[in-house]
Amino acid sequence: MKEEENNGDGPVGEQITWSTQAYKISYIRPCFTDKSKKMAEARFSESVADSKEMCELLMNSRQFDNVTYSEKLGIARIEWMGKTITIFNTGEITVRSAESIEDVKSTIDKIYGILSRLMVKKEPEKKDRKYKPGEVEM
């Protein structure tokens, strides 16, 4: 982990890259409301197929204190064990008020475990694909 200097261009915090097959944590920094806690930004390797189903699945799991959602925005917000977790149907997730990096990881693992059956692989855009000899596009 590396502590960044504040030059006025962006947030100060610990820049990390932690990846699993399920997600990648790209940034952890002190929480805005309590500097002794951690805030993290991450992205699931897959997106959620349906935001309404995502929220219903989270609510029906009965594992969280409070689940609210906006179907129109594709966002779920969870209050759990003192943390606030925001999940976007695009696969982005933020965790606020975590105790440590390990707390962030275990929280994201738990959310992914519940949502994994709704995940869909992201299709690569054609412009990002490299041409392979002998390959024919249809």
Protein backbone atom coordinates (compact mmCIF):
# COMPACT_ATOMS: atom_id res chain seq x y z
CA MET A 1 0.00 0.00 0.00
CA LYS A 2 1.13 3.47 -0.75
CA GLU A 3 0.18 6.71 0.96
CA GLU A 4 -0.46 9.45 -1.59
CA GLU A 5 0.48 13.08 -1.17
CA ASN A 6 -2.24 15.69 -1.41
CA ASN A 7 -1.44 18.08 -4.25
CA GLY A 8 -5.00 19.33 -4.51
CA ASP A 9 -5.76 17.13 -7.51
CA GLY A 10 -7.65 14.32 -5.81
CA PRO A 11 -8.38 12.30 -2.69
CA VAL A 12 -5.75 11.32 -0.18
CA GLY A 13 -5.67 7.72 0.92
CA GLU A 14 -4.20 4.32 0.42
CA GLN A 15 -4.01 3.31 -3.22
CA ILE A 16 -4.42 -0.43 -3.46
CA THR A 17 -5.21 -2.96 -6.07
CA TRP A 18 -6.77 -6.12 -4.69
CA SER A 19 -8.32 -8.48 -7.19
CA THR A 20 -10.16 -11.74 -7.05
CA GLN A 21 -12.15 -13.41 -9.81
CA ALA A 22 -15.26 -11.77 -8.38
CA TYR A 23 -14.13 -8.16 -7.83
CA LYS A 24 -11.36 -5.58 -7.79
CA ILE A 25 -10.86 -3.01 -5.05
CA SER A 26 -9.31 0.07 -6.58
CA TYR A 27 -9.13 2.55 -3.70
CA ILE A 28 -9.34 2.63 0.08
CA ARG A 29 -9.18 5.89 2.01
CA PRO A 30 -10.23 7.25 5.40
CA CYS A 31 -13.99 7.60 5.75
CA PHE A 32 -15.37 11.14 5.53
CA THR A 33 -17.33 10.94 8.79
CA ASP A 34 -14.82 9.00 10.91
CA LYS A 35 -11.13 9.09 9.92
CA SER A 36 -10.43 5.91 11.92
CA LYS A 37 -12.75 3.95 9.56
CA LYS A 38 -12.19 3.00 5.91
CA MET A 39 -14.08 3.81 2.72
CA ALA A 40 -13.55 1.66 -0.36
CA GLU A 41 -14.42 1.72 -4.03
CA ALA A 42 -14.62 -1.56 -5.90
CA ARG A 43 -16.08 -3.14 -9.00
CA PHE A 44 -17.50 -6.60 -9.47
CA SER A 45 -16.07 -8.40 -12.49
CA GLU A 46 -19.66 -8.84 -13.69
CA SER A 47 -22.70 -6.57 -13.68
CA VAL A 48 -26.08 -7.32 -12.14
CA ALA A 49 -28.68 -8.38 -14.69
CA ASP A 50 -31.74 -6.76 -13.10
CA SER A 51 -31.68 -4.06 -10.42
CA LYS A 52 -35.17 -4.94 -9.13
CA GLU A 53 -34.16 -8.58 -8.66
CA MET A 54 -30.89 -7.42 -7.05
CA CYS A 55 -32.76 -5.43 -4.42
CA GLU A 56 -35.35 -8.13 -3.79
CA LEU A 57 -32.60 -10.70 -3.32
CA LEU A 58 -30.79 -8.45 -0.82
CA MET A 59 -33.99 -7.74 1.11
CA ASN A 60 -35.10 -11.38 1.13
CA SER A 61 -31.71 -12.55 2.41
CA ARG A 62 -32.68 -11.02 5.79
CA GLN A 63 -28.99 -10.52 6.55
CA PHE A 64 -28.94 -6.73 6.49
CA ASP A 65 -30.34 -4.10 8.84
CA ASN A 66 -31.81 -1.87 6.16
CA VAL A 67 -32.05 -2.22 2.38
CA THR A 68 -33.38 0.59 0.21
CA TYR A 69 -33.28 0.86 -3.53
CA SER A 70 -34.10 2.87 -6.57
CA GLU A 71 -35.12 0.67 -9.47
CA LYS A 72 -35.01 3.68 -11.79
CA LEU A 73 -31.37 4.43 -10.88
CA GLY A 74 -30.29 0.80 -10.49
CA ILE A 75 -28.88 1.41 -7.00
CA ALA A 76 -29.27 -0.47 -3.72
CA ARG A 77 -28.17 0.93 -0.35
CA ILE A 78 -27.56 -1.34 2.61
CA GLU A 79 -26.93 -0.60 6.27
CA TRP A 80 -25.07 -3.51 7.84
CA MET A 81 -22.93 -3.84 10.97
CA GLY A 82 -22.29 -0.08 11.10
CA LYS A 83 -21.34 0.11 7.41
CA THR A 84 -23.15 1.78 4.53
CA ILE A 85 -22.85 -0.17 1.29
CA THR A 86 -24.00 1.16 -2.09
CA ILE A 87 -24.34 -1.29 -4.97
CA PHE A 88 -24.91 -0.22 -8.56
CA ASN A 89 -26.30 -2.59 -11.17
CA THR A 90 -23.25 -1.70 -13.29
CA GLY A 91 -21.15 -3.71 -10.85
CA GLU A 92 -19.71 -0.80 -8.87
CA ILE A 93 -19.80 -0.98 -5.07
CA THR A 94 -18.78 1.42 -2.30
CA VAL A 95 -18.30 0.48 1.32
CA ARG A 96 -18.24 3.20 4.00
CA SER A 97 -17.36 2.98 7.71
CA ALA A 98 -15.46 -0.32 7.49
CA GLU A 99 -13.09 -1.17 10.35
CA SER A 100 -10.20 -2.31 8.14
CA ILE A 101 -9.20 -3.52 4.70
CA GLU A 102 -10.09 -7.06 5.78
CA ASP A 103 -13.55 -5.81 6.81
CA VAL A 104 -13.96 -4.28 3.34
CA LYS A 105 -12.96 -7.57 1.67
CA SER A 106 -15.27 -9.71 3.79
CA THR A 107 -18.17 -7.29 3.22
CA ILE A 108 -17.71 -7.38 -0.55
CA ASP A 109 -17.36 -11.19 -0.45
CA LYS A 110 -20.67 -11.44 1.42
CA ILE A 111 -22.51 -9.16 -1.03
CA TYR A 112 -21.05 -11.02 -4.01
CA GLY A 113 -22.06 -14.36 -2.53
CA ILE A 114 -25.67 -13.22 -2.33
CA LEU A 115 -25.76 -11.56 -5.76
CA SER A 116 -23.64 -14.07 -7.69
CA ARG A 117 -26.60 -15.83 -9.30
CA LEU A 118 -27.71 -12.52 -10.86
CA MET A 119 -24.33 -11.65 -12.31
CA VAL A 120 -23.84 -11.54 -16.05
CA LYS A 121 -20.57 -11.44 -17.93
CA LYS A 122 -19.79 -8.09 -19.50
CA GLU A 123 -19.59 -8.34 -23.27
CA PRO A 124 -16.38 -6.91 -24.71
CA GLU A 125 -16.95 -4.05 -27.10
CA LYS A 126 -15.97 -4.85 -30.68
CA LYS A 127 -13.58 -1.90 -30.88
CA ASP A 128 -11.61 -3.26 -27.89
CA ARG A 129 -11.15 -6.68 -29.46
CA LYS A 130 -7.97 -7.42 -31.30
CA TYR A 131 -8.11 -8.94 -34.76
CA LYS A 132 -6.90 -12.52 -34.89
CA PRO A 133 -5.70 -13.99 -38.17
CA GLY A 134 -8.35 -16.26 -39.67
CA GLU A 135 -11.13 -14.75 -37.55
CA VAL A 136 -14.29 -13.73 -39.40
CA GLU A 137 -16.79 -11.33 -37.85
CA MET A 138 -20.47 -11.97 -38.49
